[in-house]
PDB file of N, CA and C in Angstrom:
ATOM      1  N   MET A   1      20.005 -12.911   3.845  1.00  0.00           N
ATOM      2  CA  MET A   1      19.100 -13.969   4.004  1.00  0.00           C
ATOM      3  C   MET A   1      17.714 -13.459   3.668  1.00  0.00           C
ATOM      4  N   ASN A   2      17.335 -12.091   4.584  1.00  0.00           N
ATOM      5  CA  ASN A   2      16.090 -11.749   4.268  1.00  0.00           C
ATOM      6  C   ASN A   2      15.866 -11.397   2.945  1.00  0.00           C
ATOM      7  N   LEU A   3      16.595 -11.122   2.182  1.00  0.00           N
ATOM      8  CA  LEU A   3      16.395 -10.683   0.451  1.00  0.00           C
ATOM      9  C   LEU A   3      15.834 -11.683   0.106  1.00  0.00           C
ATOM     10  N   ILE A   4      16.456 -12.818   0.409  1.00  0.00           N
ATOM     11  CA  ILE A   4      16.388 -14.383  -0.583  1.00  0.00           C
ATOM     12  C   ILE A   4      14.873 -14.995  -0.023  1.00  0.00           C
ATOM     13  N   ARG A   5      14.435 -14.554   1.320  1.00  0.00           N
ATOM     14  CA  ARG A   5      13.153 -15.299   1.455  1.00  0.00           C
ATOM     15  C   ARG A   5      12.587 -14.481   1.201  1.00  0.00           C
ATOM     16  N   GLY A   6      12.650 -12.691   0.806  1.00  0.00           N
ATOM     17  CA  GLY A   6      11.578 -12.003   0.540  1.00  0.00           C
ATOM     18  C   GLY A   6      11.376 -12.195  -0.915  1.00  0.00           C
ATOM     19  N   LEU A   7      12.695 -12.567  -1.658  1.00  0.00           N
ATOM     20  CA  LEU A   7      12.341 -12.885  -3.132  1.00  0.00           C
ATOM     21  C   LEU A   7      11.598 -14.359  -3.417  1.00  0.00           C
ATOM     22  N   VAL A   8      11.823 -15.153  -2.658  1.00  0.00           N
ATOM     23  CA  VAL A   8      11.299 -16.628  -2.669  1.00  0.00           C
ATOM     24  C   VAL A   8       9.766 -16.319  -2.528  1.00  0.00           C
ATOM     25  N   LEU A   9       9.291 -15.388  -1.418  1.00  0.00           N
ATOM     26  CA  LEU A   9       7.935 -15.197  -1.255  1.00  0.00           C
ATOM     27  C   LEU A   9       7.239 -14.286  -2.447  1.00  0.00           C
ATOM     28  N   THR A  10       7.828 -13.378  -2.932  1.00  0.00           N
ATOM     29  CA  THR A  10       7.394 -12.689  -4.019  1.00  0.00           C
ATOM     30  C   THR A  10       7.148 -13.411  -5.156  1.00  0.00           C
ATOM     31  N   LYS A  11       8.349 -14.466  -5.288  1.00  0.00           N
ATOM     32  CA  LYS A  11       8.257 -15.471  -6.539  1.00  0.00           C
ATOM     33  C   LYS A  11       6.957 -16.364  -6.313  1.00  0.00           C
ATOM     34  N   LYS A  12       6.597 -16.633  -5.113  1.00  0.00           N
ATOM     35  CA  LYS A  12       5.611 -17.706  -4.915  1.00  0.00           C
ATOM     36  C   LYS A  12       4.222 -17.052  -5.205  1.00  0.00           C
ATOM     37  N   VAL A  13       4.302 -15.726  -4.740  1.00  0.00           N
ATOM     38  CA  VAL A  13       2.792 -14.806  -4.957  1.00  0.00           C
ATOM     39  C   VAL A  13       3.001 -14.647  -6.690  1.00  0.00           C
ATOM     40  N   TYR A  14       3.870 -14.186  -6.825  1.00  0.00           N
ATOM     41  CA  TYR A  14       4.122 -13.998  -8.440  1.00  0.00           C
ATOM     42  C   TYR A  14       3.558 -14.992  -9.303  1.00  0.00           C
ATOM     43  N   ASN A  15       3.956 -16.231  -8.907  1.00  0.00           N
ATOM     44  CA  ASN A  15       3.623 -17.453  -9.592  1.00  0.00           C
ATOM     45  C   ASN A  15       2.604 -17.896  -9.331  1.00  0.00           C
ATOM     46  N   THR A  16       1.559 -17.562  -8.481  1.00  0.00           N
ATOM     47  CA  THR A  16       0.133 -18.002  -8.258  1.00  0.00           C
ATOM     48  C   THR A  16      -0.537 -16.865  -8.917  1.00  0.00           C
ATOM     49  N   LEU A  17      -0.077 -15.527  -9.067  1.00  0.00           N
ATOM     50  CA  LEU A  17      -1.011 -14.783  -9.713  1.00  0.00           C
ATOM     51  C   LEU A  17      -0.796 -14.840 -11.370  1.00  0.00           C
ATOM     52  N   LYS A  18       0.218 -15.341 -11.584  1.00  0.00           N
ATOM     53  CA  LYS A  18       0.511 -15.703 -13.268  1.00  0.00           C
ATOM     54  C   LYS A  18      -0.595 -16.389 -13.701  1.00  0.00           C
ATOM     55  N   GLY A  19      -1.226 -17.671 -13.300  1.00  0.00           N
ATOM     56  CA  GLY A  19      -2.078 -18.060 -13.784  1.00  0.00           C
ATOM     57  C   GLY A  19      -3.415 -17.823 -13.673  1.00  0.00           C
ATOM     58  N   PHE A  20      -3.608 -16.413 -12.857  1.00  0.00           N
ATOM     59  CA  PHE A  20      -5.067 -15.796 -12.794  1.00  0.00           C
ATOM     60  C   PHE A  20      -5.129 -15.093 -13.933  1.00  0.00           C
ATOM     61  N   ASP A  21      -6.525 -15.318 -14.416  1.00  0.00           N
ATOM     62  CA  ASP A  21      -6.762 -14.566 -15.675  1.00  0.00           C
ATOM     63  C   ASP A  21      -7.753 -13.379 -15.313  1.00  0.00           C
ATOM     64  N   GLY A  22      -8.275 -13.272 -13.962  1.00  0.00           N
ATOM     65  CA  GLY A  22      -9.251 -12.254 -13.834  1.00  0.00           C
ATOM     66  C   GLY A  22      -8.693 -11.170 -13.457  1.00  0.00           C
ATOM     67  N   LYS A  23      -9.449 -10.145 -13.426  1.00  0.00           N
ATOM     68  CA  LYS A  23      -9.090  -8.494 -12.662  1.00  0.00           C
ATOM     69  C   LYS A  23      -8.015  -9.025 -11.211  1.00  0.00           C
ATOM     70  N   LEU A  24      -6.650  -7.991 -11.306  1.00  0.00           N
ATOM     71  CA  LEU A  24      -6.178  -8.183 -10.314  1.00  0.00           C
ATOM     72  C   LEU A  24      -6.588  -7.339  -8.929  1.00  0.00           C
ATOM     73  N   SER A  25      -6.442  -7.714  -8.042  1.00  0.00           N
ATOM     74  CA  SER A  25      -6.430  -6.647  -6.933  1.00  0.00           C
ATOM     75  C   SER A  25      -5.887  -5.673  -6.661  1.00  0.00           C
ATOM     76  N   LYS A  26      -5.597  -4.417  -6.014  1.00  0.00           N
ATOM     77  CA  LYS A  26      -4.519  -3.659  -6.201  1.00  0.00           C
ATOM     78  C   LYS A  26      -3.451  -4.074  -5.557  1.00  0.00           C
ATOM     79  N   GLU A  27      -3.739  -4.904  -4.301  1.00  0.00           N
ATOM     80  CA  GLU A  27      -2.640  -5.443  -3.449  1.00  0.00           C
ATOM     81  C   GLU A  27      -1.604  -6.259  -4.749  1.00  0.00           C
ATOM     82  N   GLU A  28      -2.335  -7.467  -5.278  1.00  0.00           N
ATOM     83  CA  GLU A  28      -2.301  -8.104  -6.249  1.00  0.00           C
ATOM     84  C   GLU A  28      -1.074  -7.578  -7.175  1.00  0.00           C
ATOM     85  N   ALA A  29      -1.756  -6.235  -8.024  1.00  0.00           N
ATOM     86  CA  ALA A  29      -0.858  -5.839  -8.870  1.00  0.00           C
ATOM     87  C   ALA A  29       0.198  -4.891  -8.411  1.00  0.00           C
ATOM     88  N   ASN A  30       0.108  -4.424  -7.454  1.00  0.00           N
ATOM     89  CA  ASN A  30       1.294  -4.023  -6.668  1.00  0.00           C
ATOM     90  C   ASN A  30       2.668  -5.108  -6.537  1.00  0.00           C
ATOM     91  N   LEU A  31       2.132  -6.212  -5.933  1.00  0.00           N
ATOM     92  CA  LEU A  31       2.800  -7.548  -5.838  1.00  0.00           C
ATOM     93  C   LEU A  31       3.286  -7.995  -7.180  1.00  0.00           C
ATOM     94  N   LYS A  32       2.937  -7.936  -8.051  1.00  0.00           N
ATOM     95  CA  LYS A  32       3.383  -8.263  -9.354  1.00  0.00           C
ATOM     96  C   LYS A  32       4.384  -7.164 -10.002  1.00  0.00           C
ATOM     97  N   LYS A  33       3.860  -5.915  -9.645  1.00  0.00           N
ATOM     98  CA  LYS A  33       4.901  -4.978 -10.328  1.00  0.00           C
ATOM     99  C   LYS A  33       6.102  -4.968  -9.411  1.00  0.00           C
ATOM    100  N   LEU A  34       5.928  -5.396  -8.356  1.00  0.00           N
ATOM    101  CA  LEU A  34       7.303  -5.170  -7.364  1.00  0.00           C
ATOM    102  C   LEU A  34       8.237  -6.527  -7.961  1.00  0.00           C
ATOM    103  N   PHE A  35       7.662  -7.421  -7.976  1.00  0.00           N
ATOM    104  CA  PHE A  35       8.116  -8.790  -8.500  1.00  0.00           C
ATOM    105  C   PHE A  35       9.177  -8.450  -9.875  1.00  0.00           C
ATOM    106  N   GLU A  36       8.230  -7.551 -10.956  1.00  0.00           N
ATOM    107  CA  GLU A  36       9.009  -7.358 -12.091  1.00  0.00           C
ATOM    108  C   GLU A  36       9.853  -6.167 -11.856  1.00  0.00           C
ATOM    109  N   ASP A  37       9.637  -5.332 -10.907  1.00  0.00           N
ATOM    110  CA  ASP A  37      11.076  -4.526 -10.842  1.00  0.00           C
ATOM    111  C   ASP A  37      12.023  -5.058  -9.776  1.00  0.00           C
ATOM    112  N   LEU A  38      11.899  -5.873  -8.997  1.00  0.00           N
ATOM    113  CA  LEU A  38      13.049  -6.646  -8.626  1.00  0.00           C
ATOM    114  C   LEU A  38      13.766  -7.314  -9.342  1.00  0.00           C
ATOM    115  N   LYS A  39      12.897  -7.880 -10.454  1.00  0.00           N
ATOM    116  CA  LYS A  39      13.889  -8.849 -11.394  1.00  0.00           C
ATOM    117  C   LYS A  39      15.249  -8.062 -11.932  1.00  0.00           C
ATOM    118  N   THR A  40      14.825  -6.819 -11.997  1.00  0.00           N
ATOM    119  CA  THR A  40      16.109  -5.771 -12.924  1.00  0.00           C
ATOM    120  C   THR A  40      16.945  -4.829 -12.065  1.00  0.00           C
ATOM    121  N   MET A  41      16.639  -4.757 -10.962  1.00  0.00           N
ATOM    122  CA  MET A  41      17.558  -3.874  -9.931  1.00  0.00           C
ATOM    123  C   MET A  41      18.455  -4.633  -9.452  1.00  0.00           C
ATOM    124  N   SER A  42      19.345  -3.970  -8.745  1.00  0.00           N
ATOM    125  CA  SER A  42      21.031  -4.791  -8.050  1.00  0.00           C
ATOM    126  C   SER A  42      20.569  -5.428  -7.018  1.00  0.00           C
ATOM    127  N   LEU A  43      21.316  -5.711  -6.395  1.00  0.00           N
ATOM    128  CA  LEU A  43      21.087  -6.598  -5.039  1.00  0.00           C
ATOM    129  C   LEU A  43      20.529  -5.697  -3.858  1.00  0.00           C
ATOM    130  N   GLU A  44      21.497  -4.406  -3.959  1.00  0.00           N
ATOM    131  CA  GLU A  44      21.287  -3.301  -2.939  1.00  0.00           C
ATOM    132  C   GLU A  44      19.765  -2.787  -3.215  1.00  0.00           C
ATOM    133  N   LYS A  45      19.559  -2.479  -4.207  1.00  0.00           N
ATOM    134  CA  LYS A  45      18.317  -1.774  -4.582  1.00  0.00           C
ATOM    135  C   LYS A  45      17.134  -2.519  -4.458  1.00  0.00           C
ATOM    136  N   ALA A  46      17.422  -3.808  -4.504  1.00  0.00           N
ATOM    137  CA  ALA A  46      16.257  -4.855  -4.307  1.00  0.00           C
ATOM    138  C   ALA A  46      15.948  -4.820  -2.638  1.00  0.00           C
ATOM    139  N   GLN A  47      17.164  -4.997  -1.859  1.00  0.00           N
ATOM    140  CA  GLN A  47      16.713  -5.378  -0.631  1.00  0.00           C
ATOM    141  C   GLN A  47      16.549  -3.785  -0.072  1.00  0.00           C
ATOM    142  N   LEU A  48      16.827  -2.498  -0.426  1.00  0.00           N
ATOM    143  CA  LEU A  48      16.215  -1.407   0.038  1.00  0.00           C
ATOM    144  C   LEU A  48      14.675  -1.432  -0.184  1.00  0.00           C
ATOM    145  N   GLU A  49      14.635  -1.965  -1.553  1.00  0.00           N
ATOM    146  CA  GLU A  49      13.114  -1.481  -1.934  1.00  0.00           C
ATOM    147  C   GLU A  49      12.136  -2.585  -0.817  1.00  0.00           C
ATOM    148  N   LEU A  50      12.565  -3.984  -0.950  1.00  0.00           N
ATOM    149  CA  LEU A  50      12.051  -4.704   0.157  1.00  0.00           C
ATOM    150  C   LEU A  50      11.911  -4.108   1.455  1.00  0.00           C
ATOM    151  N   ASP A  51      12.701  -3.447   2.130  1.00  0.00           N
ATOM    152  CA  ASP A  51      13.054  -2.983   3.420  1.00  0.00           C
ATOM    153  C   ASP A  51      11.992  -1.771   3.592  1.00  0.00           C
ATOM    154  N   LYS A  52      11.669  -1.024   2.241  1.00  0.00           N
ATOM    155  CA  LYS A  52      10.807   0.349   2.050  1.00  0.00           C
ATOM    156  C   LYS A  52       9.437  -0.393   2.151  1.00  0.00           C
ATOM    157  N   ARG A  53       9.283  -1.508   1.633  1.00  0.00           N
ATOM    158  CA  ARG A  53       7.778  -2.066   1.819  1.00  0.00           C
ATOM    159  C   ARG A  53       7.666  -2.521   3.153  1.00  0.00           C
ATOM    160  N   PHE A  54       8.431  -3.329   3.582  1.00  0.00           N
ATOM    161  CA  PHE A  54       8.453  -3.699   5.212  1.00  0.00           C
ATOM    162  C   PHE A  54       7.853  -2.654   5.940  1.00  0.00           C
ATOM    163  N   LEU A  55       8.900  -1.910   6.131  1.00  0.00           N
ATOM    164  CA  LEU A  55       8.466  -0.414   6.828  1.00  0.00           C
ATOM    165  C   LEU A  55       7.144   0.208   6.670  1.00  0.00           C
ATOM    166  N   GLN A  56       6.813   0.377   5.326  1.00  0.00           N
ATOM    167  CA  GLN A  56       5.223   1.096   4.944  1.00  0.00           C
ATOM    168  C   GLN A  56       4.238   0.126   5.542  1.00  0.00           C
ATOM    169  N   VAL A  57       4.283  -1.550   5.393  1.00  0.00           N
ATOM    170  CA  VAL A  57       3.504  -2.010   6.045  1.00  0.00           C
ATOM    171  C   VAL A  57       3.391  -2.231   7.697  1.00  0.00           C
ATOM    172  N   ARG A  58       4.250  -1.984   8.323  1.00  0.00           N
ATOM    173  CA  ARG A  58       4.919  -1.812   9.890  1.00  0.00           C
ATOM    174  C   ARG A  58       3.916  -0.355  10.099  1.00  0.00           C
ATOM    175  N   LEU A  59       4.566   0.444   9.537  1.00  0.00           N
ATOM    176  CA  LEU A  59       3.628   1.932   9.551  1.00  0.00           C
ATOM    177  C   LEU A  59       2.319   1.844   9.769  1.00  0.00           C
ATOM    178  N   ASP A  60       1.867   1.058   8.489  1.00  0.00           N
ATOM    179  CA  ASP A  60       0.025   1.064   8.518  1.00  0.00           C
ATOM    180  C   ASP A  60      -0.134   0.396   9.676  1.00  0.00           C
ATOM    181  N   SER A  61       0.555  -0.915  10.208  1.00  0.00           N
ATOM    182  CA  SER A  61       0.061  -1.292  11.192  1.00  0.00           C
ATOM    183  C   SER A  61      -0.045  -0.604  12.437  1.00  0.00           C
ATOM    184  N   LEU A  62       1.138   0.058  12.418  1.00  0.00           N
ATOM    185  CA  LEU A  62       1.136   1.010  13.964  1.00  0.00           C
ATOM    186  C   LEU A  62       0.131   2.113  13.739  1.00  0.00           C
ATOM    187  N   VAL A  63      -0.098   2.744  12.773  1.00  0.00           N
ATOM    188  CA  VAL A  63      -1.025   3.723  12.486  1.00  0.00           C
ATOM    189  C   VAL A  63      -2.637   3.206  12.553  1.00  0.00           C
ATOM    190  N   ALA A  64      -2.909   1.715  12.315  1.00  0.00           N
ATOM    191  CA  ALA A  64      -4.275   1.178  12.652  1.00  0.00           C
ATOM    192  C   ALA A  64      -4.248   0.769  14.155  1.00  0.00           C
ATOM    193  N   LYS A  65      -2.988   0.534  14.629  1.00  0.00           N
ATOM    194  CA  LYS A  65      -3.396   0.351  16.181  1.00  0.00           C
ATOM    195  C   LYS A  65      -3.407   1.912  16.953  1.00  0.00           C
ATOM    196  N   GLU A  66      -2.616   3.100  16.447  1.00  0.00           N
ATOM    197  CA  GLU A  66      -3.213   4.156  17.288  1.00  0.00           C
ATOM    198  C   GLU A  66      -4.554   4.680  17.233  1.00  0.00           C
ATOM    199  N   ASN A  67      -5.109   4.410  16.099  1.00  0.00           N
ATOM    200  CA  ASN A  67      -6.482   4.889  15.610  1.00  0.00           C
ATOM    201  C   ASN A  67      -7.339   3.739  16.668  1.00  0.00           C
ATOM    202  N   ASP A  68      -7.108   2.571  16.904  1.00  0.00           N
ATOM    203  CA  ASP A  68      -7.844   1.743  17.241  1.00  0.00           C
ATOM    204  C   ASP A  68      -7.728   2.360  19.046  1.00  0.00           C
ATOM    205  N   LEU A  69      -6.553   2.646  19.488  1.00  0.00           N
ATOM    206  CA  LEU A  69      -6.324   2.985  21.186  1.00  0.00           C
ATOM    207  C   LEU A  69      -7.114   4.382  21.343  1.00  0.00           C
ATOM    208  N   LYS A  70      -7.063   5.051  20.282  1.00  0.00           N
ATOM    209  CA  LYS A  70      -7.714   6.688  20.272  1.00  0.00           C
ATOM    210  C   LYS A  70      -9.237   6.428  20.094  1.00  0.00           C
ATOM    211  N   ALA A  71      -9.893   5.374  19.483  1.00  0.00           N
ATOM    212  CA  ALA A  71     -11.422   4.910  19.713  1.00  0.00           C
ATOM    213  C   ALA A  71     -11.622   4.463  21.132  1.00  0.00           C
ATOM    214  N   LYS A  72     -10.860   3.833  21.795  1.00  0.00           N
ATOM    215  CA  LYS A  72     -10.854   3.049  23.285  1.00  0.00           C
ATOM    216  C   LYS A  72     -10.854   4.145  24.135  1.00  0.00           C
ATOM    217  N   TYR A  73      -9.953   4.798  23.888  1.00  0.00           N
ATOM    218  CA  TYR A  73      -9.760   6.142  24.761  1.00  0.00           C
ATOM    219  C   TYR A  73     -10.865   7.170  24.576  1.00  0.00           C
ATOM    220  N   GLU A  74     -11.438   7.457  23.660  1.00  0.00           N
ATOM    221  CA  GLU A  74     -12.501   8.245  23.311  1.00  0.00           C
ATOM    222  C   GLU A  74     -13.855   7.507  24.223  1.00  0.00           C
ATOM    223  N   VAL A  75     -13.582   6.714  24.179  1.00  0.00           N
ATOM    224  CA  VAL A  75     -14.806   5.771  24.784  1.00  0.00           C
ATOM    225  C   VAL A  75     -14.768   5.749  26.438  1.00  0.00           C
ATOM    226  N   LYS A  76     -13.632   5.782  26.807  1.00  0.00           N
ATOM    227  CA  LYS A  76     -13.337   5.671  28.267  1.00  0.00           C
ATOM    228  C   LYS A  76     -13.298   7.107  28.810  1.00  0.00           C
ATOM    229  N   LEU A  77     -13.000   7.917  27.946  1.00  0.00           N
ATOM    230  CA  LEU A  77     -12.997   9.452  28.291  1.00  0.00           C
ATOM    231  C   LEU A  77     -14.877   9.636  28.439  1.00  0.00           C
ATOM    232  N   LYS A  78     -15.543   9.534  27.311  1.00  0.00           N
ATOM    233  CA  LYS A  78     -16.900   9.773  27.630  1.00  0.00           C
ATOM    234  C   LYS A  78     -17.433   9.032  28.963  1.00  0.00           C
ATOM    235  N   ALA A  79     -17.205   7.906  29.273  1.00  0.00           N
ATOM    236  CA  ALA A  79     -17.855   7.195  30.233  1.00  0.00           C
ATOM    237  C   ALA A  79     -17.186   8.019  31.448  1.00  0.00           C
ATOM    238  N   ALA A  80     -16.112   8.601  31.540  1.00  0.00           N
ATOM    239  CA  ALA A  80     -15.795   8.896  32.758  1.00  0.00           C
ATOM    240  C   ALA A  80     -16.185  10.127  33.445  1.00  0.00           C
ATOM    241  N   LYS A  81     -16.560  11.162  31.979  1.00  0.00           N
ATOM    242  CA  LYS A  81     -17.270  12.296  31.854  1.00  0.00           C
ATOM    243  C   LYS A  81     -18.807  12.241  32.299  1.00  0.00           C
ATOM    244  N   LYS A  82     -19.451  10.882  32.040  1.00  0.00           N
ATOM    245  CA  LYS A  82     -20.447  11.061  32.409  1.00  0.00           C
ATOM    246  C   LYS A  82     -20.534  10.725  33.918  1.00  0.00           C
ATOM    247  N   CYS A  83     -19.642   9.731  34.306  1.00  0.00           N
ATOM    248  CA  CYS A  83     -19.733   9.738  35.873  1.00  0.00           C
ATOM    249  C   CYS A  83     -19.670  10.675  36.470  1.00  0.00           C
ATOM    250  N   VAL A  84     -18.250  11.751  35.704  1.00  0.00           N
ATOM    251  CA  VAL A  84     -18.543  12.697  36.447  1.00  0.00           C
ATOM    252  C   VAL A  84     -19.486  13.470  36.960  1.00  0.00           C
ATOM    253  N   LYS A  85     -20.668  13.907  35.808  1.00  0.00           N
ATOM    254  CA  LYS A  85     -21.717  14.557  35.648  1.00  0.00           C
ATOM    255  C   LYS A  85     -22.429  13.928  36.756  1.00  0.00           C
ATOM    256  N   ASP A  86     -22.879  12.849  36.592  1.00  0.00           N
ATOM    257  CA  ASP A  86     -23.848  12.038  37.648  1.00  0.00           C
ATOM    258  C   ASP A  86     -23.106  12.313  38.912  1.00  0.00           C
ATOM    259  N   ALA A  87     -21.999  12.179  39.249  1.00  0.00           N
ATOM    260  CA  ALA A  87     -21.477  12.429  40.689  1.00  0.00           C
ATOM    261  C   ALA A  87     -21.794  13.867  40.925  1.00  0.00           C
ATOM    262  N   ARG A  88     -21.603  14.928  40.181  1.00  0.00           N
ATOM    263  CA  ARG A  88     -21.907  16.106  40.633  1.00  0.00           C
ATOM    264  C   ARG A  88     -23.292  16.349  40.781  1.00  0.00           C
ATOM    265  N   ASP A  89     -24.410  15.584  40.047  1.00  0.00           N
ATOM    266  CA  ASP A  89     -25.613  15.827  39.746  1.00  0.00           C
ATOM    267  C   ASP A  89     -26.261  15.151  41.237  1.00  0.00           C
ATOM    268  N   GLN A  90     -25.636  14.038  41.671  1.00  0.00           N
ATOM    269  CA  GLN A  90     -26.249  13.608  42.711  1.00  0.00           C
ATOM    270  C   GLN A  90     -25.336  14.442  44.204  1.00  0.00           C
ATOM    271  N   LYS A  91     -24.411  14.782  43.765  1.00  0.00           N
ATOM    272  CA  LYS A  91     -23.915  15.957  44.794  1.00  0.00           C
ATOM    273  C   LYS A  91     -25.004  17.131  45.015  1.00  0.00           C
ATOM    274  N   ARG A  92     -25.017  17.405  43.956  1.00  0.00           N
ATOM    275  CA  ARG A  92     -26.153  18.703  44.107  1.00  0.00           C
ATOM    276  C   ARG A  92     -27.825  18.243  44.630  1.00  0.00           C
ATOM    277  N   ALA A  93     -28.148  16.643  44.547  1.00  0.00           N
ATOM    278  CA  ALA A  93     -29.330  16.579  44.724  1.00  0.00           C
ATOM    279  C   ALA A  93     -29.011  16.207  46.365  1.00  0.00           C
ATOM    280  N   ALA A  94     -28.062  15.785  46.657  1.00  0.00           N
ATOM    281  CA  ALA A  94     -27.796  15.703  48.442  1.00  0.00           C
ATOM    282  C   ALA A  94     -28.136  16.694  48.944  1.00  0.00           C
ATOM    283  N   GLU A  95     -27.690  18.048  48.326  1.00  0.00           N
ATOM    284  CA  GLU A  95     -27.020  19.145  49.180  1.00  0.00           C
ATOM    285  C   GLU A  95     -28.389  19.770  49.007  1.00  0.00           C
ATOM    286  N   ALA A  96     -29.336  19.577  48.140  1.00  0.00           N
ATOM    287  CA  ALA A  96     -30.581  20.085  48.232  1.00  0.00           C
ATOM    288  C   ALA A  96     -31.695  19.457  49.070  1.00  0.00           C
ATOM    289  N   PHE A  97     -31.701  18.403  49.092  1.00  0.00           N
ATOM    290  CA  PHE A  97     -32.515  17.195  50.273  1.00  0.00           C
ATOM    291  C   PHE A  97     -31.736  17.816  51.339  1.00  0.00           C
ATOM    292  N   HIS A  98     -30.437  18.128  51.885  1.00  0.00           N
ATOM    293  CA  HIS A  98     -29.985  18.332  53.082  1.00  0.00           C
ATOM    294  C   HIS A  98     -30.497  20.012  53.516  1.00  0.00           C
ATOM    295  N   LYS A  99     -30.208  20.734  52.290  1.00  0.00           N
ATOM    296  CA  LYS A  99     -31.131  21.971  52.555  1.00  0.00           C
ATOM    297  C   LYS A  99     -32.413  22.067  52.884  1.00  0.00           C
ATOM    298  N   CYS A 100     -33.378  21.113  52.308  1.00  0.00           N
ATOM    299  CA  CYS A 100     -34.617  21.492  52.607  1.00  0.00           C
ATOM    300  C   CYS A 100     -35.133  20.716  53.874  1.00  0.00           C
ATOM    301  N   THR A 101     -34.339  19.318  54.546  1.00  0.00           N
ATOM    302  CA  THR A 101     -34.464  18.898  55.832  1.00  0.00           C
ATOM    303  C   THR A 101     -34.153  19.951  56.662  1.00  0.00           C
ATOM    304  N   LYS A 102     -32.941  20.835  56.504  1.00  0.00           N
ATOM    305  CA  LYS A 102     -32.571  21.751  57.664  1.00  0.00           C
ATOM    306  C   LYS A 102     -33.493  22.799  57.788  1.00  0.00           C
ATOM    307  N   ASP A 103     -33.747  23.233  56.464  1.00  0.00           N
ATOM    308  CA  ASP A 103     -35.354  24.190  56.890  1.00  0.00           C
ATOM    309  C   ASP A 103     -36.578  24.141  57.341  1.00  0.00           C
ATOM    310  N   ALA A 104     -36.670  22.877  57.132  1.00  0.00           N
ATOM    311  CA  ALA A 104     -38.050  22.154  57.689  1.00  0.00           C
ATOM    312  C   ALA A 104     -38.058  22.143  59.325  1.00  0.00           C
TER     313      ALA A 104
END
């Protein structure tokens, strides 16, 4: 069933691209090539190819999400380090003030 849906979707995309005379983008060219390849493949090979493409898209999505989370983590880590540094500076200042008032 998924193979049929994938083929129908690919066919729709291909039909859209077929009337396009300009330069195809890389993704559009890949879809066109995939459709041409699917027409010559056996049903099992076509299903495997669609599964492979789906998994590649999913992997790309997860990598992008991981990179986003790493960036957020780096920002939070930097802020936490600054807070710790500020707290240490305040502690040193308080100790210095206490020492000065004790000596006076």
